Protein backbone atom coordinates (compact mmCIF):
# COMPACT_ATOMS: atom_id res chain seq x y z
CA MET A 1 141.76 -8.53 -32.71
CA ILE A 2 141.69 -10.16 -36.16
CA SER A 3 142.19 -7.73 -39.07
CA SER A 4 142.83 -10.10 -41.99
CA VAL A 5 141.43 -13.55 -42.87
CA LEU A 6 142.31 -16.22 -45.45
CA PHE A 7 139.14 -18.24 -46.20
CA TYR A 8 139.44 -21.59 -48.10
CA VAL A 9 136.42 -23.12 -49.70
CA GLN A 10 136.11 -26.06 -52.07
CA HIS A 11 132.76 -26.73 -53.75
CA LEU A 12 132.39 -29.97 -55.79
CA LEU A 13 128.93 -30.64 -56.99
CA GLY A 14 126.68 -27.77 -56.05
CA ILE A 15 127.52 -24.15 -55.13
CA GLY A 16 126.12 -24.06 -51.63
CA HIS A 17 129.46 -24.17 -49.80
CA LEU A 18 130.65 -21.27 -51.92
CA GLN A 19 127.47 -19.21 -51.42
CA ARG A 20 127.66 -19.61 -47.60
CA SER A 21 131.38 -18.75 -47.64
CA LEU A 22 130.70 -15.64 -49.67
CA ARG A 23 128.05 -14.48 -47.24
CA ILE A 24 130.47 -14.86 -44.36
CA ALA A 25 133.23 -13.14 -46.34
CA GLU A 26 130.91 -10.20 -47.09
CA ALA A 27 130.08 -9.88 -43.38
CA LEU A 28 133.74 -9.92 -42.48
CA VAL A 29 134.57 -7.03 -44.91
CA GLN A 30 131.60 -5.02 -43.61
CA ASN A 31 133.34 -5.30 -40.22
CA GLY A 32 136.53 -3.85 -41.62
CA ILE A 33 138.36 -7.18 -41.91
CA ALA A 34 140.44 -7.87 -45.06
CA VAL A 35 139.50 -11.12 -46.70
CA THR A 36 141.30 -13.37 -49.21
CA LEU A 37 138.86 -15.96 -50.46
CA VAL A 38 140.61 -18.99 -51.97
CA CYS A 39 138.21 -20.97 -54.17
CA GLY A 40 139.04 -24.48 -55.37
CA GLY A 41 135.92 -25.37 -57.36
CA PRO A 42 134.79 -24.30 -60.81
CA PRO A 43 134.46 -20.50 -61.22
CA VAL A 44 130.88 -19.34 -60.64
CA THR A 45 129.44 -15.90 -61.46
CA LEU A 46 127.95 -14.69 -58.24
CA PRO A 47 127.55 -11.12 -56.87
CA THR A 48 130.69 -10.59 -54.79
CA ASP A 49 131.82 -7.61 -52.75
CA PRO A 50 134.67 -6.12 -54.81
CA SER A 51 136.84 -5.64 -51.70
CA ILE A 52 137.09 -9.41 -51.27
CA ARG A 53 140.34 -10.67 -52.85
CA VAL A 54 139.48 -13.87 -54.72
CA VAL A 55 142.17 -16.41 -55.55
CA GLN A 56 140.97 -19.07 -57.89
CA LEU A 57 142.91 -22.30 -57.74
CA THR A 58 143.00 -24.54 -60.76
CA PRO A 59 139.47 -25.92 -60.47
CA ILE A 60 138.60 -29.38 -59.19
CA ARG A 61 134.96 -30.71 -59.27
CA ALA A 62 133.09 -33.92 -58.72
CA ARG A 63 132.31 -35.76 -61.94
CA ASP A 64 128.85 -36.80 -60.62
CA ALA A 65 127.18 -37.92 -57.36
CA GLY A 66 129.89 -40.56 -57.03
CA PHE A 67 132.23 -37.70 -56.16
CA GLU A 68 135.18 -38.82 -58.23
CA LEU A 69 137.46 -35.72 -58.47
CA VAL A 70 138.13 -34.38 -61.96
CA ASP A 71 139.66 -31.30 -63.52
CA SER A 72 137.77 -28.75 -65.68
CA ALA A 73 138.06 -31.06 -68.70
CA GLY A 74 136.63 -34.04 -66.81
CA ARG A 75 140.00 -35.83 -66.46
CA PRO A 76 140.91 -37.47 -63.13
CA ILE A 77 143.13 -35.29 -61.13
CA ASP A 78 146.89 -36.09 -61.13
CA ASP A 79 150.00 -35.27 -59.07
CA ALA A 80 150.90 -32.34 -61.38
CA LEU A 81 147.54 -30.68 -60.65
CA ARG A 82 147.83 -31.43 -56.85
CA ASP A 83 151.38 -29.84 -56.88
CA GLU A 84 150.12 -26.75 -58.77
CA ARG A 85 147.23 -26.21 -56.42
CA ARG A 86 149.37 -26.77 -53.27
CA ALA A 87 151.86 -24.17 -54.44
CA ALA A 88 149.14 -21.68 -55.25
CA LEU A 89 147.45 -22.10 -51.95
CA LEU A 90 150.63 -21.65 -49.91
CA ALA A 91 151.52 -18.61 -52.05
CA ALA A 92 148.07 -17.10 -51.23
CA PHE A 93 148.74 -17.69 -47.55
CA ALA A 94 152.14 -16.17 -47.72
CA ALA A 95 150.83 -13.12 -49.56
CA ALA A 96 147.81 -12.51 -47.33
CA ARG A 97 149.79 -12.95 -43.95
CA PRO A 98 146.44 -13.42 -42.30
CA ASP A 99 145.67 -13.20 -38.58
CA ALA A 100 143.18 -16.08 -39.00
CA VAL A 101 142.63 -18.87 -41.51
CA VAL A 102 139.07 -20.28 -42.05
CA ILE A 103 138.77 -23.67 -43.71
CA GLU A 104 135.35 -24.62 -44.87
CA GLY A 105 134.30 -28.25 -44.09
CA PHE A 106 137.66 -29.80 -43.06
CA PRO A 107 138.26 -31.95 -40.97
CA PHE A 108 134.65 -33.13 -41.14
CA ALA A 109 134.70 -33.20 -44.90
CA ARG A 110 137.10 -32.59 -47.92
CA ARG A 111 139.61 -35.30 -46.74
CA ALA A 112 140.51 -35.84 -50.38
CA PHE A 113 142.10 -32.40 -50.29
CA ARG A 114 144.58 -33.17 -47.55
CA PHE A 115 147.27 -32.98 -50.16
CA GLU A 116 147.02 -29.17 -49.99
CA LEU A 117 145.35 -28.66 -46.56
CA GLU A 118 148.02 -30.57 -44.65
CA PRO A 119 150.77 -28.29 -45.97
CA LEU A 120 148.57 -25.24 -45.32
CA ILE A 121 148.06 -26.26 -41.69
CA LYS A 122 151.80 -26.97 -41.36
CA ALA A 123 152.60 -23.43 -42.68
CA ILE A 124 150.06 -21.99 -40.21
CA ARG A 125 151.68 -23.76 -37.28
CA ALA A 126 155.10 -22.52 -38.38
CA ALA A 127 154.18 -18.93 -38.97
CA GLU A 128 155.13 -16.24 -36.43
CA PRO A 129 152.91 -14.94 -35.10
CA ARG A 130 150.77 -18.01 -35.66
CA PRO A 131 147.34 -17.28 -37.19
CA CYS A 132 144.23 -18.75 -35.55
CA LEU A 133 142.78 -21.63 -37.40
CA ILE A 134 139.05 -22.00 -37.63
CA CYS A 135 136.69 -24.66 -39.09
CA SER A 136 133.56 -23.34 -40.81
CA VAL A 137 130.92 -26.14 -41.08
CA ARG A 138 127.28 -26.36 -41.94
CA ASP A 139 124.54 -27.63 -39.53
CA ILE A 140 124.76 -31.24 -40.82
CA VAL A 141 127.80 -33.22 -41.88
CA VAL A 142 128.14 -36.51 -43.72
CA VAL A 143 130.62 -38.54 -41.86
CA ARG A 144 131.10 -42.33 -42.04
CA ASP A 145 129.42 -44.08 -39.12
CA ASP A 146 132.80 -45.22 -37.72
CA PRO A 147 133.96 -44.47 -34.17
CA GLN A 148 137.59 -44.37 -35.34
CA ARG A 149 136.75 -41.83 -37.99
CA HIS A 150 134.94 -39.80 -35.34
CA ARG A 151 137.97 -39.97 -33.04
CA ASP A 152 140.31 -38.90 -35.78
CA ILE A 153 138.25 -35.76 -36.36
CA VAL A 154 138.11 -34.97 -32.65
CA ASP A 155 141.87 -35.41 -32.35
CA ARG A 156 142.45 -33.20 -35.32
CA VAL A 157 140.28 -30.47 -34.00
CA HIS A 158 142.08 -30.59 -30.62
CA ARG A 159 145.50 -30.64 -32.22
CA ASP A 160 145.14 -28.01 -34.90
CA PHE A 161 141.89 -25.90 -34.61
CA ASP A 162 141.13 -23.01 -32.31
CA ALA A 163 137.38 -22.95 -33.04
CA VAL A 164 134.70 -24.97 -34.93
CA LEU A 165 131.95 -22.61 -36.01
CA VAL A 166 128.75 -24.53 -36.71
CA HIS A 167 126.42 -22.56 -39.00
CA GLY A 168 123.15 -23.78 -37.50
CA ASP A 169 120.78 -23.49 -34.59
CA PRO A 170 120.42 -26.34 -32.14
CA ALA A 171 116.76 -25.40 -31.72
CA LEU A 172 116.29 -26.88 -35.23
CA ILE A 173 119.09 -29.39 -35.66
CA ARG A 174 121.81 -30.27 -33.18
CA PHE A 175 125.32 -30.91 -34.57
CA ASP A 176 125.47 -34.18 -32.71
CA SER A 177 122.56 -35.46 -34.75
CA SER A 178 125.00 -35.96 -37.61
CA PHE A 179 128.28 -36.02 -35.63
CA PRO A 180 127.78 -37.97 -32.42
CA ALA A 181 131.24 -37.11 -31.11
CA ALA A 182 130.26 -33.36 -30.96
CA PRO A 183 130.34 -33.33 -27.12
CA ASP A 184 134.06 -34.11 -27.36
CA ILE A 185 134.79 -30.80 -29.02
CA ALA A 186 132.36 -28.77 -26.98
CA ASP A 187 135.30 -26.56 -25.84
CA ARG A 188 135.95 -25.48 -29.43
CA MET A 189 132.44 -25.62 -30.96
CA ILE A 190 130.18 -22.62 -31.24
CA TYR A 191 126.81 -22.36 -32.98
CA THR A 192 126.61 -19.27 -35.08
CA GLY A 193 123.03 -19.43 -36.28
CA TYR A 194 122.11 -20.06 -39.92
CA VAL A 195 123.99 -18.10 -42.60
CA CYS A 196 121.07 -16.55 -44.51
CA PRO A 197 120.84 -13.90 -47.16
CA ARG A 198 121.47 -10.56 -45.62
CA ALA A 199 118.24 -9.54 -43.74
CA ALA A 200 118.04 -6.31 -45.75
CA LEU A 201 118.05 -8.22 -49.03
CA ALA A 202 115.52 -10.86 -47.82
CA ASP A 203 113.11 -8.24 -46.39
CA ALA A 204 113.50 -5.87 -49.28
CA ALA A 205 113.39 -8.41 -52.01
CA LEU A 206 110.56 -7.54 -54.38
CA ALA A 207 108.21 -10.36 -55.13
CA THR A 208 108.65 -11.21 -58.79
CA GLY A 209 106.97 -13.55 -61.17
CA GLY A 210 103.55 -13.60 -59.56
CA GLU A 211 101.61 -16.73 -58.65
CA GLU A 212 103.75 -19.39 -60.19
CA VAL A 213 105.41 -22.72 -59.46
CA VAL A 214 109.19 -22.25 -59.04
CA VAL A 215 111.22 -25.45 -59.57
CA SER A 216 114.94 -24.99 -58.66
CA ALA A 217 117.90 -27.22 -58.88
CA GLY A 218 120.55 -25.32 -56.96
CA GLY A 219 123.80 -25.39 -58.92
CA GLY A 220 122.21 -27.96 -61.24
CA ALA A 221 124.74 -30.75 -61.14
CA ALA A 222 122.39 -33.11 -59.35
CA GLY A 223 118.97 -31.84 -60.06
CA HIS A 224 118.14 -33.12 -63.49
CA THR A 225 115.82 -35.89 -62.29
CA LEU A 226 113.84 -33.46 -60.16
CA LEU A 227 113.49 -31.02 -63.05
CA LYS A 228 112.28 -33.81 -65.45
CA ALA A 229 109.77 -35.07 -62.86
CA ALA A 230 108.40 -31.56 -62.30
CA LEU A 231 108.03 -30.93 -66.02
CA ALA A 232 106.28 -34.28 -66.43
CA ALA A 233 103.92 -33.34 -63.46
CA ARG A 234 103.07 -30.10 -65.18
CA ARG A 235 102.42 -31.88 -68.48
CA SER A 236 99.96 -34.19 -66.66
CA GLY A 237 97.99 -31.17 -65.54
CA CYS A 238 99.39 -30.26 -62.14
CA LEU A 239 98.50 -26.65 -61.34
CA ALA A 240 98.21 -26.07 -65.06
CA GLY A 241 96.49 -22.76 -64.52
CA LEU A 242 99.58 -21.25 -63.09
CA SER A 243 102.87 -20.31 -64.76
CA TRP A 244 105.84 -22.55 -64.08
CA ARG A 245 109.44 -21.58 -63.97
CA LEU A 246 112.27 -24.11 -63.92
CA LEU A 247 115.67 -22.88 -62.76
CA THR A 248 118.24 -25.41 -63.81
CA GLY A 249 121.45 -23.90 -62.24
CA SER A 250 124.63 -23.06 -64.09
CA ASN A 251 126.07 -26.65 -63.78
CA LEU A 252 123.38 -28.55 -65.64
CA PRO A 253 124.89 -29.86 -68.85
CA GLU A 254 123.87 -27.92 -71.94
CA ALA A 255 122.34 -31.00 -73.60
CA ASP A 256 120.08 -31.57 -70.60
CA PHE A 257 119.10 -27.93 -70.54
CA ALA A 258 118.22 -27.98 -74.19
CA ALA A 259 116.17 -31.16 -73.79
CA LEU A 260 114.17 -29.60 -70.96
CA ALA A 261 113.55 -26.39 -72.87
CA ALA A 262 112.37 -28.20 -76.01
CA ASP A 263 108.60 -28.11 -76.79
CA LEU A 264 107.45 -26.61 -73.55
CA PRO A 265 103.81 -26.28 -72.65
CA ALA A 266 102.34 -22.80 -72.59
CA GLY A 267 103.24 -20.88 -69.48
CA VAL A 268 106.38 -22.85 -68.65
CA ALA A 269 109.80 -21.29 -68.78
CA VAL A 270 113.23 -22.87 -68.35
CA GLU A 271 116.06 -20.58 -67.20
CA ARG A 272 119.50 -21.02 -65.88
CA PHE A 273 119.60 -18.71 -62.80
CA CYS A 274 117.69 -15.96 -60.91
CA TYR A 275 119.71 -13.44 -58.97
CA ASN A 276 116.61 -12.32 -56.95
CA PHE A 277 115.72 -15.87 -55.90
CA VAL A 278 114.32 -14.77 -52.54
CA GLY A 279 112.09 -12.28 -54.32
CA LEU A 280 110.98 -14.94 -56.76
CA LEU A 281 110.07 -17.19 -53.88
CA ARG A 282 108.23 -14.39 -52.08
CA GLY A 283 105.79 -14.14 -54.99
CA CYS A 284 105.37 -17.85 -55.94
CA ARG A 285 102.57 -20.15 -55.11
CA VAL A 286 104.87 -23.20 -54.47
CA SER A 287 108.62 -23.74 -54.40
CA VAL A 288 109.87 -27.14 -55.49
CA SER A 289 113.56 -27.92 -54.76
CA GLN A 290 116.03 -30.13 -53.28
CA ALA A 291 116.94 -29.46 -49.56
CA GLY A 292 120.38 -27.95 -49.65
CA TYR A 293 121.44 -25.57 -46.85
CA ASN A 294 121.16 -22.30 -48.86
CA THR A 295 117.99 -23.24 -50.76
CA VAL A 296 116.08 -24.12 -47.59
CA LEU A 297 117.19 -20.86 -45.95
CA ASP A 298 116.03 -18.92 -48.96
CA ILE A 299 112.65 -20.68 -48.75
CA LEU A 300 112.40 -19.86 -45.05
CA ALA A 301 113.46 -16.23 -45.60
CA ALA A 302 110.76 -15.89 -48.24
CA ARG A 303 108.19 -17.74 -46.18
CA ALA A 304 107.29 -19.80 -49.26
CA ARG A 305 105.10 -22.92 -49.45
CA ALA A 306 107.55 -25.57 -50.35
CA VAL A 307 107.98 -29.12 -51.55
CA LEU A 308 111.48 -30.64 -50.79
CA VAL A 309 112.94 -33.57 -52.68
CA PRO A 310 116.26 -34.06 -50.84
CA PHE A 311 119.34 -35.27 -52.77
CA ALA A 312 120.19 -38.67 -51.38
CA ALA A 313 122.57 -40.40 -53.72
CA GLY A 314 125.30 -42.62 -52.36
CA ARG A 315 126.07 -41.89 -48.72
CA GLU A 316 124.45 -38.43 -48.74
CA THR A 317 122.15 -38.00 -45.75
CA GLU A 318 122.48 -34.25 -45.11
CA GLN A 319 119.52 -33.06 -47.19
CA LEU A 320 117.26 -35.87 -46.06
CA MET A 321 117.88 -35.19 -42.41
CA ARG A 322 117.13 -31.50 -42.92
CA ALA A 323 114.06 -32.12 -44.95
CA GLU A 324 112.67 -34.68 -42.61
CA ARG A 325 113.09 -32.29 -39.64
CA LEU A 326 111.29 -29.47 -41.50
CA ALA A 327 108.48 -31.82 -42.60
CA ALA A 328 108.08 -32.95 -39.01
CA LEU A 329 107.57 -29.32 -38.04
CA GLY A 330 104.94 -28.85 -40.73
CA ALA A 331 107.07 -26.36 -42.67
CA VAL A 332 107.31 -28.28 -45.95
CA GLU A 333 105.95 -31.12 -47.90
CA LEU A 334 108.52 -33.96 -48.34
CA VAL A 335 108.99 -36.36 -51.26
CA ARG A 336 111.91 -38.75 -50.73
CA GLU A 337 114.20 -39.15 -53.76
CA SER A 338 113.54 -42.92 -53.71
CA GLU A 339 109.75 -42.21 -54.04
CA LEU A 340 110.04 -39.47 -56.67
CA SER A 341 107.68 -39.72 -59.60
CA PRO A 342 105.62 -37.23 -61.59
CA GLN A 343 102.58 -38.44 -59.69
CA SER A 344 104.04 -38.28 -56.19
CA LEU A 345 105.52 -34.86 -56.91
CA ALA A 346 102.25 -33.49 -58.33
CA ALA A 347 100.34 -34.65 -55.22
CA ALA A 348 102.84 -32.96 -52.95
CA ILE A 349 102.74 -29.74 -55.04
CA GLU A 350 98.97 -29.62 -54.84
CA ARG A 351 99.08 -30.17 -51.08
CA ALA A 352 101.58 -27.38 -50.57
CA ALA A 353 99.59 -25.04 -52.80
CA THR A 354 96.57 -25.09 -50.45
CA GLY A 355 98.55 -24.92 -47.27
CA ALA A 356 100.18 -22.21 -45.21
CA PRO A 357 104.00 -22.04 -44.75
CA ALA A 358 105.14 -22.47 -41.15
CA ARG A 359 107.18 -19.65 -39.63
CA LEU A 360 110.12 -21.22 -37.75
CA ALA A 361 111.69 -19.44 -34.88
CA ILE A 362 115.27 -20.15 -35.69
CA ASP A 363 118.44 -18.09 -35.51
CA THR A 364 119.20 -16.70 -38.99
CA GLY A 365 121.91 -14.18 -38.03
CA GLY A 366 124.77 -16.56 -38.78
CA ALA A 367 126.74 -14.31 -41.18
CA PRO A 368 127.25 -11.25 -38.89
CA SER A 369 127.56 -13.59 -35.86
CA THR A 370 130.30 -15.59 -37.60
CA ALA A 371 132.19 -12.42 -38.57
CA ARG A 372 132.05 -11.19 -34.92
CA LEU A 373 133.31 -14.61 -33.66
CA ILE A 374 136.15 -14.74 -36.21
CA ALA A 375 137.15 -11.14 -35.31
CA THR A 376 137.65 -12.00 -31.67
CA VAL A 377 138.85 -15.66 -31.81
CA LYS A 378 141.85 -16.52 -29.70
CA HIS A 379 144.20 -19.46 -29.65
CA ALA A 380 142.69 -22.40 -27.80
CA ARG A 381 145.99 -23.34 -26.14
């Protein structure tokens, strides 16, 4: 049985990877498992179980949707920073002496962090007794459409990983929809269900805010265009009889936040964050957001009428794939980012406001399921 876990997570643009990892870490400690959570992205203030030991590496983030890696001052990362982080990660591993190590995303993502992950994997293989190594990955991955890249991932999984925990439900989206080589790792791959807010929090969340339009941008690093379009739609008269609340996220630059908050129409508020987001969605008339993993699950938990505008810059296909699937099931209104305008967004909001949200029968017990799976994982060879 596993009694201690080292969990590595690196968020770059949004905070979804960190939120999901925290929910899993909380489920682990509730099962009596000690957790050291190593965070590589910018520090984020989120409610965290105090029994989780958090190790903050010198932060690395993405400058923008181009995903150039920069430090906290916006400078490109250099070898000194890489060396510093590598040493800190290995020190955290040595101090934790875990029975299992969970790496979020890799080898399907985070290849740019091989400078510290390769040494970590080497240390795991050399340790006695050797910890189990587990990949934690969301329902959809963004992997280059290249058979050799797919083969490299499959080979890496077979060589180093004891399990790949896919935080999704094949009844909604199969992993091979985004990673065609998934059948080649079927012996290591387990669907956990979606990692949602704890059921008690979602069910008990008090509806707040009343009948309003809630526009949210996740962490905020890539949601400015959506927020501006929503505010323009409201200025043009869209659901002007309702209050509107724009949640910008903590990563929206201060100048952009100030510009949004200037000279607002009556009944419109611009805020950074809402800790009772599910409760806010429970009481709203319409939710308008991107289609990140955590935001979509919060929408489904709250059974909110929703408009999704999936982030689709560069090679990003994850949010669009998720939003298209939900739209096909009648659960949301979809506005593609390439078609986003105040007019198209207003029309979708007005359609959503008069509709009824679909209730999807999907597995949302991913956090406790993942904790149970990690607790009982065994070496694959």
